[in-house]
C-alpha atoms as a PDB file:
ATOM      1  CA  UNK A   1     162.587  76.403 -48.741  1.00  0.00           C
ATOM      2  CA  UNK A   2     163.087  72.817 -49.927  1.00  0.00           C
ATOM      3  CA  UNK A   3     165.906  70.663 -48.585  1.00  0.00           C
ATOM      4  CA  UNK A   4     168.099  70.993 -45.506  1.00  0.00           C
ATOM      5  CA  UNK A   5     170.439  73.842 -44.657  1.00  0.00           C
ATOM      6  CA  UNK A   6     173.529  71.998 -45.892  1.00  0.00           C
ATOM      7  CA  UNK A   7     172.308  71.072 -49.370  1.00  0.00           C
ATOM      8  CA  UNK A   8     169.424  72.643 -51.263  1.00  0.00           C
ATOM      9  CA  UNK A   9     169.364  75.418 -48.695  1.00  0.00           C
ATOM     10  CA  UNK A  10     172.871  76.468 -49.727  1.00  0.00           C
ATOM     11  CA  UNK A  11     171.711  77.150 -53.259  1.00  0.00           C
ATOM     12  CA  UNK A  12     168.606  79.031 -52.095  1.00  0.00           C
ATOM     13  CA  UNK A  13     170.676  81.213 -49.776  1.00  0.00           C
ATOM     14  CA  UNK A  14     173.137  82.088 -52.534  1.00  0.00           C
ATOM     15  CA  UNK A  15     170.331  82.667 -55.049  1.00  0.00           C
ATOM     16  CA  UNK A  16     168.696  85.129 -52.656  1.00  0.00           C
ATOM     17  CA  UNK A  17     171.968  86.867 -51.808  1.00  0.00           C
ATOM     18  CA  UNK A  18     172.877  87.712 -55.408  1.00  0.00           C
ATOM     19  CA  UNK A  19     169.402  87.474 -56.994  1.00  0.00           C
ATOM     20  CA  UNK A  20     170.505  84.763 -59.426  1.00  0.00           C
ATOM     21  CA  UNK A  21     169.565  81.238 -60.527  1.00  0.00           C
ATOM     22  CA  UNK A  22     172.593  80.946 -62.804  1.00  0.00           C
ATOM     23  CA  UNK A  23     174.906  77.947 -62.833  1.00  0.00           C
ATOM     24  CA  UNK A  24     178.152  78.201 -64.806  1.00  0.00           C
ATOM     25  CA  UNK A  25     179.296  74.895 -66.284  1.00  0.00           C
ATOM     26  CA  UNK A  26     183.059  74.484 -66.010  1.00  0.00           C
ATOM     27  CA  UNK A  27     183.291  72.213 -69.067  1.00  0.00           C
ATOM     28  CA  UNK A  28     186.924  73.132 -69.518  1.00  0.00           C
ATOM     29  CA  UNK A  29     187.900  70.813 -72.349  1.00  0.00           C
ATOM     30  CA  UNK A  30     191.647  71.063 -72.719  1.00  0.00           C
ATOM     31  CA  UNK A  31     191.624  71.316 -76.521  1.00  0.00           C
ATOM     32  CA  UNK A  32     189.187  74.251 -76.359  1.00  0.00           C
ATOM     33  CA  UNK A  33     191.179  76.342 -73.891  1.00  0.00           C
ATOM     34  CA  UNK A  34     192.845  79.529 -75.144  1.00  0.00           C
ATOM     35  CA  UNK A  35     196.499  79.010 -76.010  1.00  0.00           C
ATOM     36  CA  UNK A  36     197.759  81.136 -73.115  1.00  0.00           C
ATOM     37  CA  UNK A  37     196.221  78.670 -70.646  1.00  0.00           C
ATOM     38  CA  UNK A  38     197.354  75.528 -72.478  1.00  0.00           C
ATOM     39  CA  UNK A  39     200.940  76.720 -72.194  1.00  0.00           C
ATOM     40  CA  UNK A  40     200.722  76.873 -68.398  1.00  0.00           C
ATOM     41  CA  UNK A  41     201.548  74.240 -65.800  1.00  0.00           C
ATOM     42  CA  UNK A  42     197.920  73.778 -64.688  1.00  0.00           C
ATOM     43  CA  UNK A  43     195.846  74.771 -67.748  1.00  0.00           C
ATOM     44  CA  UNK A  44     192.379  73.653 -66.643  1.00  0.00           C
ATOM     45  CA  UNK A  45     192.757  75.005 -63.128  1.00  0.00           C
ATOM     46  CA  UNK A  46     194.101  78.369 -64.271  1.00  0.00           C
ATOM     47  CA  UNK A  47     191.331  78.658 -66.842  1.00  0.00           C
ATOM     48  CA  UNK A  48     188.722  77.780 -64.207  1.00  0.00           C
ATOM     49  CA  UNK A  49     190.158  80.376 -61.835  1.00  0.00           C
ATOM     50  CA  UNK A  50     189.868  82.946 -64.611  1.00  0.00           C
ATOM     51  CA  UNK A  51     186.230  82.014 -65.322  1.00  0.00           C
ATOM     52  CA  UNK A  52     185.346  82.042 -61.625  1.00  0.00           C
ATOM     53  CA  UNK A  53     186.928  85.467 -61.163  1.00  0.00           C
ATOM     54  CA  UNK A  54     184.920  86.754 -64.135  1.00  0.00           C
ATOM     55  CA  UNK A  55     181.552  85.214 -63.216  1.00  0.00           C
ATOM     56  CA  UNK A  56     181.293  84.627 -59.461  1.00  0.00           C
ATOM     57  CA  UNK A  57     179.280  87.794 -58.905  1.00  0.00           C
ATOM     58  CA  UNK A  58     176.480  86.279 -61.001  1.00  0.00           C
ATOM     59  CA  UNK A  59     176.844  82.557 -60.242  1.00  0.00           C
ATOM     60  CA  UNK A  60     174.794  80.693 -57.670  1.00  0.00           C
ATOM     61  CA  UNK A  61     176.451  77.399 -58.678  1.00  0.00           C
ATOM     62  CA  UNK A  62     179.364  75.950 -60.631  1.00  0.00           C
ATOM     63  CA  UNK A  63     179.107  72.609 -62.418  1.00  0.00           C
ATOM     64  CA  UNK A  64     182.236  70.905 -63.776  1.00  0.00           C
ATOM     65  CA  UNK A  65     181.575  67.932 -66.060  1.00  0.00           C
ATOM     66  CA  UNK A  66     184.036  65.347 -64.808  1.00  0.00           C
ATOM     67  CA  UNK A  67     184.631  63.865 -68.278  1.00  0.00           C
ATOM     68  CA  UNK A  68     186.745  66.828 -69.391  1.00  0.00           C
ATOM     69  CA  UNK A  69     189.090  66.249 -66.450  1.00  0.00           C
ATOM     70  CA  UNK A  70     189.132  62.445 -66.608  1.00  0.00           C
ATOM     71  CA  UNK A  71     190.307  62.739 -70.222  1.00  0.00           C
ATOM     72  CA  UNK A  72     193.629  64.136 -68.960  1.00  0.00           C
ATOM     73  CA  UNK A  73     194.157  61.370 -66.426  1.00  0.00           C
ATOM     74  CA  UNK A  74     195.909  62.183 -63.171  1.00  0.00           C
ATOM     75  CA  UNK A  75     196.646  65.767 -64.264  1.00  0.00           C
ATOM     76  CA  UNK A  76     192.980  66.439 -64.943  1.00  0.00           C
ATOM     77  CA  UNK A  77     191.885  64.900 -61.649  1.00  0.00           C
ATOM     78  CA  UNK A  78     194.441  67.009 -59.796  1.00  0.00           C
ATOM     79  CA  UNK A  79     193.243  70.204 -61.461  1.00  0.00           C
ATOM     80  CA  UNK A  80     189.601  69.388 -60.741  1.00  0.00           C
ATOM     81  CA  UNK A  81     190.550  68.953 -57.074  1.00  0.00           C
ATOM     82  CA  UNK A  82     192.453  72.248 -57.185  1.00  0.00           C
ATOM     83  CA  UNK A  83     189.353  73.928 -58.613  1.00  0.00           C
ATOM     84  CA  UNK A  84     187.125  72.584 -55.827  1.00  0.00           C
ATOM     85  CA  UNK A  85     189.651  73.557 -53.167  1.00  0.00           C
ATOM     86  CA  UNK A  86     189.790  77.071 -54.643  1.00  0.00           C
ATOM     87  CA  UNK A  87     185.990  77.393 -54.653  1.00  0.00           C
ATOM     88  CA  UNK A  88     185.666  76.187 -51.059  1.00  0.00           C
ATOM     89  CA  UNK A  89     188.379  78.603 -49.967  1.00  0.00           C
ATOM     90  CA  UNK A  90     187.369  81.692 -51.942  1.00  0.00           C
ATOM     91  CA  UNK A  91     183.622  81.202 -52.541  1.00  0.00           C
ATOM     92  CA  UNK A  92     182.307  78.721 -49.965  1.00  0.00           C
ATOM     93  CA  UNK A  93     178.733  79.989 -50.371  1.00  0.00           C
ATOM     94  CA  UNK A  94     178.497  78.919 -54.043  1.00  0.00           C
ATOM     95  CA  UNK A  95     177.003  75.472 -54.723  1.00  0.00           C
ATOM     96  CA  UNK A  96     179.296  72.980 -56.482  1.00  0.00           C
ATOM     97  CA  UNK A  97     177.834  70.258 -58.696  1.00  0.00           C
ATOM     98  CA  UNK A  98     179.729  67.299 -60.151  1.00  0.00           C
ATOM     99  CA  UNK A  99     178.147  66.358 -63.457  1.00  0.00           C
ATOM    100  CA  UNK A 100     179.139  62.700 -63.611  1.00  0.00           C
ATOM    101  CA  UNK A 101     175.819  60.826 -63.978  1.00  0.00           C
ATOM    102  CA  UNK A 102     176.950  57.986 -61.731  1.00  0.00           C
ATOM    103  CA  UNK A 103     174.746  54.927 -61.424  1.00  0.00           C
ATOM    104  CA  UNK A 104     176.295  51.592 -60.485  1.00  0.00           C
ATOM    105  CA  UNK A 105     175.912  48.838 -57.906  1.00  0.00           C
ATOM    106  CA  UNK A 106     175.698  49.822 -54.272  1.00  0.00           C
ATOM    107  CA  UNK A 107     179.212  48.687 -53.413  1.00  0.00           C
ATOM    108  CA  UNK A 108     180.679  50.687 -56.296  1.00  0.00           C
ATOM    109  CA  UNK A 109     178.570  53.719 -55.449  1.00  0.00           C
ATOM    110  CA  UNK A 110     179.950  53.692 -51.902  1.00  0.00           C
ATOM    111  CA  UNK A 111     183.336  54.459 -53.386  1.00  0.00           C
ATOM    112  CA  UNK A 112     181.925  56.999 -55.842  1.00  0.00           C
ATOM    113  CA  UNK A 113     180.178  58.840 -53.014  1.00  0.00           C
ATOM    114  CA  UNK A 114     183.317  58.823 -50.907  1.00  0.00           C
ATOM    115  CA  UNK A 115     185.377  60.148 -53.811  1.00  0.00           C
ATOM    116  CA  UNK A 116     183.019  62.872 -55.005  1.00  0.00           C
ATOM    117  CA  UNK A 117     181.651  64.083 -51.668  1.00  0.00           C
ATOM    118  CA  UNK A 118     184.607  63.562 -49.351  1.00  0.00           C
ATOM    119  CA  UNK A 119     187.758  63.602 -51.473  1.00  0.00           C
ATOM    120  CA  UNK A 120     186.732  66.281 -53.972  1.00  0.00           C
ATOM    121  CA  UNK A 121     184.215  68.041 -51.722  1.00  0.00           C
ATOM    122  CA  UNK A 122     181.305  68.508 -54.127  1.00  0.00           C
ATOM    123  CA  UNK A 123     177.973  69.626 -52.681  1.00  0.00           C
ATOM    124  CA  UNK A 124     175.951  67.706 -55.294  1.00  0.00           C
ATOM    125  CA  UNK A 125     176.295  64.997 -57.939  1.00  0.00           C
ATOM    126  CA  UNK A 126     174.166  63.976 -60.915  1.00  0.00           C
ATOM    127  CA  UNK A 127     172.933  60.365 -60.776  1.00  0.00           C
ATOM    128  CA  UNK A 128     171.426  57.870 -63.213  1.00  0.00           C
ATOM    129  CA  UNK A 129     168.280  56.167 -61.824  1.00  0.00           C
ATOM    130  CA  UNK A 130     168.271  53.217 -64.254  1.00  0.00           C
ATOM    131  CA  UNK A 131     169.306  50.675 -61.595  1.00  0.00           C
ATOM    132  CA  UNK A 132     166.767  51.869 -59.029  1.00  0.00           C
ATOM    133  CA  UNK A 133     166.983  53.300 -55.535  1.00  0.00           C
ATOM    134  CA  UNK A 134     168.907  50.536 -53.758  1.00  0.00           C
ATOM    135  CA  UNK A 135     172.290  51.105 -55.459  1.00  0.00           C
ATOM    136  CA  UNK A 136     171.911  54.890 -55.092  1.00  0.00           C
ATOM    137  CA  UNK A 137     171.527  54.622 -51.331  1.00  0.00           C
ATOM    138  CA  UNK A 138     175.182  55.626 -50.638  1.00  0.00           C
ATOM    139  CA  UNK A 139     174.322  59.002 -52.174  1.00  0.00           C
ATOM    140  CA  UNK A 140     170.752  59.330 -50.920  1.00  0.00           C
ATOM    141  CA  UNK A 141     171.720  58.670 -47.312  1.00  0.00           C
ATOM    142  CA  UNK A 142     174.079  61.646 -47.323  1.00  0.00           C
ATOM    143  CA  UNK A 143     171.603  64.197 -46.035  1.00  0.00           C
ATOM    144  CA  UNK A 144     174.321  66.864 -46.043  1.00  0.00           C
ATOM    145  CA  UNK A 145     174.731  66.507 -49.824  1.00  0.00           C
ATOM    146  CA  UNK A 146     172.463  66.672 -52.887  1.00  0.00           C
ATOM    147  CA  UNK A 147     171.498  63.812 -55.200  1.00  0.00           C
ATOM    148  CA  UNK A 148     170.444  65.181 -58.602  1.00  0.00           C
ATOM    149  CA  UNK A 149     168.505  62.438 -60.397  1.00  0.00           C
ATOM    150  CA  UNK A 150     168.328  62.394 -64.196  1.00  0.00           C
ATOM    151  CA  UNK A 151     164.678  62.740 -65.185  1.00  0.00           C
ATOM    152  CA  UNK A 152     164.226  64.333 -68.631  1.00  0.00           C
ATOM    153  CA  UNK A 153     167.599  65.085 -70.128  1.00  0.00           C
ATOM    154  CA  UNK A 154     168.405  67.779 -72.688  1.00  0.00           C
ATOM    155  CA  UNK A 155     170.000  65.668 -75.435  1.00  0.00           C
ATOM    156  CA  UNK A 156     168.088  65.210 -78.734  1.00  0.00           C
ATOM    157  CA  UNK A 157     167.866  61.437 -78.380  1.00  0.00           C
ATOM    158  CA  UNK A 158     166.512  61.464 -74.825  1.00  0.00           C
ATOM    159  CA  UNK A 159     163.029  60.382 -75.879  1.00  0.00           C
ATOM    160  CA  UNK A 160     164.247  57.039 -77.217  1.00  0.00           C
ATOM    161  CA  UNK A 161     164.143  55.690 -73.665  1.00  0.00           C
ATOM    162  CA  UNK A 162     162.636  58.451 -71.532  1.00  0.00           C
ATOM    163  CA  UNK A 163     159.425  58.752 -73.558  1.00  0.00           C
ATOM    164  CA  UNK A 164     158.660  55.031 -73.401  1.00  0.00           C
ATOM    165  CA  UNK A 165     155.233  54.469 -71.904  1.00  0.00           C
ATOM    166  CA  UNK A 166     155.446  52.589 -68.645  1.00  0.00           C
ATOM    167  CA  UNK A 167     152.486  50.878 -67.025  1.00  0.00           C
ATOM    168  CA  UNK A 168     152.007  51.016 -63.283  1.00  0.00           C
ATOM    169  CA  UNK A 169     152.135  48.225 -60.746  1.00  0.00           C
ATOM    170  CA  UNK A 170     149.261  45.725 -60.626  1.00  0.00           C
ATOM    171  CA  UNK A 171     146.040  47.383 -59.494  1.00  0.00           C
ATOM    172  CA  UNK A 172     147.534  50.828 -60.231  1.00  0.00           C
ATOM    173  CA  UNK A 173     144.806  52.713 -62.054  1.00  0.00           C
ATOM    174  CA  UNK A 174     147.205  55.399 -63.356  1.00  0.00           C
ATOM    175  CA  UNK A 175     148.467  53.491 -66.402  1.00  0.00           C
ATOM    176  CA  UNK A 176     150.424  54.615 -69.408  1.00  0.00           C
ATOM    177  CA  UNK A 177     152.860  57.305 -68.233  1.00  0.00           C
ATOM    178  CA  UNK A 178     156.211  58.097 -69.882  1.00  0.00           C
ATOM    179  CA  UNK A 179     159.288  56.883 -68.067  1.00  0.00           C
ATOM    180  CA  UNK A 180     160.402  60.402 -67.111  1.00  0.00           C
ATOM    181  CA  UNK A 181     157.042  60.916 -65.414  1.00  0.00           C
ATOM    182  CA  UNK A 182     157.506  57.701 -63.407  1.00  0.00           C
ATOM    183  CA  UNK A 183     161.029  58.736 -62.405  1.00  0.00           C
ATOM    184  CA  UNK A 184     159.790  62.109 -61.161  1.00  0.00           C
ATOM    185  CA  UNK A 185     157.039  60.452 -59.136  1.00  0.00           C
ATOM    186  CA  UNK A 186     159.430  57.890 -57.675  1.00  0.00           C
ATOM    187  CA  UNK A 187     162.007  60.474 -56.596  1.00  0.00           C
ATOM    188  CA  UNK A 188     159.429  62.819 -55.083  1.00  0.00           C
ATOM    189  CA  UNK A 189     157.390  60.207 -53.235  1.00  0.00           C
ATOM    190  CA  UNK A 190     159.993  57.605 -52.233  1.00  0.00           C
ATOM    191  CA  UNK A 191     163.615  58.660 -52.697  1.00  0.00           C
ATOM    192  CA  UNK A 192     163.566  62.112 -51.124  1.00  0.00           C
ATOM    193  CA  UNK A 193     163.191  60.991 -47.517  1.00  0.00           C
ATOM    194  CA  UNK A 194     166.155  63.146 -46.432  1.00  0.00           C
ATOM    195  CA  UNK A 195     164.995  66.202 -48.385  1.00  0.00           C
ATOM    196  CA  UNK A 196     168.207  66.129 -50.421  1.00  0.00           C
ATOM    197  CA  UNK A 197     166.998  65.162 -53.900  1.00  0.00           C
ATOM    198  CA  UNK A 198     166.734  67.318 -56.983  1.00  0.00           C
ATOM    199  CA  UNK A 199     165.785  66.437 -60.553  1.00  0.00           C
ATOM    200  CA  UNK A 200     167.723  67.038 -63.771  1.00  0.00           C
ATOM    201  CA  UNK A 201     165.340  68.381 -66.427  1.00  0.00           C
ATOM    202  CA  UNK A 202     166.628  69.650 -69.769  1.00  0.00           C
ATOM    203  CA  UNK A 203     165.925  73.186 -70.965  1.00  0.00           C
ATOM    204  CA  UNK A 204     165.176  71.784 -74.424  1.00  0.00           C
ATOM    205  CA  UNK A 205     161.911  70.202 -73.213  1.00  0.00           C
ATOM    206  CA  UNK A 206     159.884  73.033 -71.607  1.00  0.00           C
ATOM    207  CA  UNK A 207     156.524  71.223 -71.850  1.00  0.00           C
ATOM    208  CA  UNK A 208     157.896  68.250 -69.929  1.00  0.00           C
ATOM    209  CA  UNK A 209     159.508  70.692 -67.497  1.00  0.00           C
ATOM    210  CA  UNK A 210     156.100  72.196 -66.816  1.00  0.00           C
ATOM    211  CA  UNK A 211     154.590  68.755 -66.147  1.00  0.00           C
ATOM    212  CA  UNK A 212     157.458  67.715 -63.884  1.00  0.00           C
ATOM    213  CA  UNK A 213     156.990  70.907 -61.855  1.00  0.00           C
ATOM    214  CA  UNK A 214     153.399  69.837 -61.216  1.00  0.00           C
ATOM    215  CA  UNK A 215     154.639  66.474 -59.919  1.00  0.00           C
ATOM    216  CA  UNK A 216     157.565  67.773 -57.888  1.00  0.00           C
ATOM    217  CA  UNK A 217     156.052  70.751 -56.087  1.00  0.00           C
ATOM    218  CA  UNK A 218     158.804  73.095 -54.922  1.00  0.00           C
ATOM    219  CA  UNK A 219     161.714  70.687 -55.470  1.00  0.00           C
ATOM    220  CA  UNK A 220     164.696  72.309 -57.183  1.00  0.00           C
ATOM    221  CA  UNK A 221     165.713  71.260 -60.711  1.00  0.00           C
ATOM    222  CA  UNK A 222     169.100  71.372 -62.363  1.00  0.00           C
ATOM    223  CA  UNK A 223     168.365  72.629 -65.886  1.00  0.00           C
ATOM    224  CA  UNK A 224     171.093  72.106 -68.499  1.00  0.00           C
ATOM    225  CA  UNK A 225     170.696  72.921 -72.171  1.00  0.00           C
ATOM    226  CA  UNK A 226     170.449  76.728 -72.263  1.00  0.00           C
ATOM    227  CA  UNK A 227     172.376  78.391 -75.071  1.00  0.00           C
ATOM    228  CA  UNK A 228     174.519  76.044 -77.160  1.00  0.00           C
ATOM    229  CA  UNK A 229     171.990  73.194 -76.875  1.00  0.00           C
ATOM    230  CA  UNK A 230     169.066  75.392 -77.888  1.00  0.00           C
ATOM    231  CA  UNK A 231     167.098  75.918 -74.676  1.00  0.00           C
ATOM    232  CA  UNK A 232     165.189  79.204 -74.433  1.00  0.00           C
ATOM    233  CA  UNK A 233     165.430  81.222 -71.227  1.00  0.00           C
ATOM    234  CA  UNK A 234     161.864  82.530 -71.225  1.00  0.00           C
ATOM    235  CA  UNK A 235     160.249  79.127 -71.779  1.00  0.00           C
ATOM    236  CA  UNK A 236     162.400  77.463 -69.147  1.00  0.00           C
ATOM    237  CA  UNK A 237     161.885  80.127 -66.520  1.00  0.00           C
ATOM    238  CA  UNK A 238     158.135  80.456 -66.964  1.00  0.00           C
ATOM    239  CA  UNK A 239     157.656  76.669 -67.100  1.00  0.00           C
ATOM    240  CA  UNK A 240     159.885  75.708 -64.201  1.00  0.00           C
ATOM    241  CA  UNK A 241     159.779  78.252 -61.388  1.00  0.00           C
ATOM    242  CA  UNK A 242     158.454  76.994 -58.078  1.00  0.00           C
ATOM    243  CA  UNK A 243     156.156  78.867 -55.694  1.00  0.00           C
ATOM    244  CA  UNK A 244     159.128  80.849 -54.315  1.00  0.00           C
ATOM    245  CA  UNK A 245     160.190  82.056 -57.798  1.00  0.00           C
ATOM    246  CA  UNK A 246     163.236  79.841 -57.481  1.00  0.00           C
ATOM    247  CA  UNK A 247     163.564  76.076 -57.837  1.00  0.00           C
ATOM    248  CA  UNK A 248     165.770  76.246 -60.959  1.00  0.00           C
ATOM    249  CA  UNK A 249     169.549  75.922 -61.270  1.00  0.00           C
ATOM    250  CA  UNK A 250     169.882  77.085 -64.872  1.00  0.00           C
ATOM    251  CA  UNK A 251     173.173  76.012 -66.384  1.00  0.00           C
ATOM    252  CA  UNK A 252     175.148  77.473 -69.253  1.00  0.00           C
ATOM    253  CA  UNK A 253     178.602  76.159 -70.091  1.00  0.00           C
ATOM    254  CA  UNK A 254     180.157  76.868 -73.485  1.00  0.00           C
ATOM    255  CA  UNK A 255     178.078  80.002 -74.031  1.00  0.00           C
ATOM    256  CA  UNK A 256     179.773  81.633 -71.040  1.00  0.00           C
ATOM    257  CA  UNK A 257     183.187  80.091 -70.484  1.00  0.00           C
ATOM    258  CA  UNK A 258     184.367  80.331 -74.095  1.00  0.00           C
ATOM    259  CA  UNK A 259     182.828  83.741 -74.744  1.00  0.00           C
ATOM    260  CA  UNK A 260     185.094  86.689 -75.440  1.00  0.00           C
ATOM    261  CA  UNK A 261     183.744  88.367 -72.299  1.00  0.00           C
ATOM    262  CA  UNK A 262     182.505  85.699 -69.826  1.00  0.00           C
ATOM    263  CA  UNK A 263     181.388  88.241 -67.226  1.00  0.00           C
ATOM    264  CA  UNK A 264     179.155  90.016 -69.723  1.00  0.00           C
ATOM    265  CA  UNK A 265     177.584  86.749 -70.874  1.00  0.00           C
ATOM    266  CA  UNK A 266     176.991  85.577 -67.305  1.00  0.00           C
ATOM    267  CA  UNK A 267     175.389  88.884 -66.359  1.00  0.00           C
ATOM    268  CA  UNK A 268     173.278  88.873 -69.512  1.00  0.00           C
ATOM    269  CA  UNK A 269     171.888  85.411 -68.798  1.00  0.00           C
ATOM    270  CA  UNK A 270     171.339  86.182 -65.095  1.00  0.00           C
ATOM    271  CA  UNK A 271     169.423  89.313 -66.022  1.00  0.00           C
ATOM    272  CA  UNK A 272     167.399  87.512 -68.684  1.00  0.00           C
ATOM    273  CA  UNK A 273     166.336  84.836 -66.208  1.00  0.00           C
ATOM    274  CA  UNK A 274     165.372  87.466 -63.650  1.00  0.00           C
ATOM    275  CA  UNK A 275     163.316  89.354 -66.191  1.00  0.00           C
ATOM    276  CA  UNK A 276     161.075  86.314 -66.594  1.00  0.00           C
ATOM    277  CA  UNK A 277     160.954  85.573 -62.858  1.00  0.00           C
ATOM    278  CA  UNK A 278     158.848  88.693 -62.251  1.00  0.00           C
END
């Protein structure tokens, strides 16, 4: 098992308990919610409660994207907090991930870490490595929490920056590697001192996923991009599993939460992933 008992170990324990690598993305955009929820006092929270009740039997993690809550200002923030409080109270064994892609100066990140880990109570956050390790230290030093570092993202334009060929340091004989490769190496060899790092690798790039698995050993990856973004379950699962037939937190958002029957879609994806784990 990779990671300590309070971070990566929480996901592994849940994955084993329900035989699932599924993460449900709570991308509860207000404008997309069914009318019956938008008429309520707490529309995003009530919708999230509904989705959680439908899918928790199949979910090893939940991942709200903070942007959909920030867009509603104080009301959205309050309902995100209500969602996290509900999950901690009713499903404390399920991993919670804040998809926020934070990456600022160290002083600013101190406040981000305090907000996301302590105020909201997330188990994990997604982080942008562009400014290097030093400003991410407020997250990395929290050995009880998970830092999920963007490596090869799922968006179509990711290669514009992430595929740039980066030479090594002077006297480094391993020249000419893409930036995502360098990020993976850096996180694995230098940033993961507390055993609390994971990598974000998009489902839409299975060949890169396979290469990053070679670099990262058994480290767990958050894998967005299944379903609406075009990622294929079989390719992702076969390319990314670690030696324990885990190591993947496979996320689906819109394809589950806005489906007519969320429970059926969650079960279908869980079962599809498991079929290719064998």
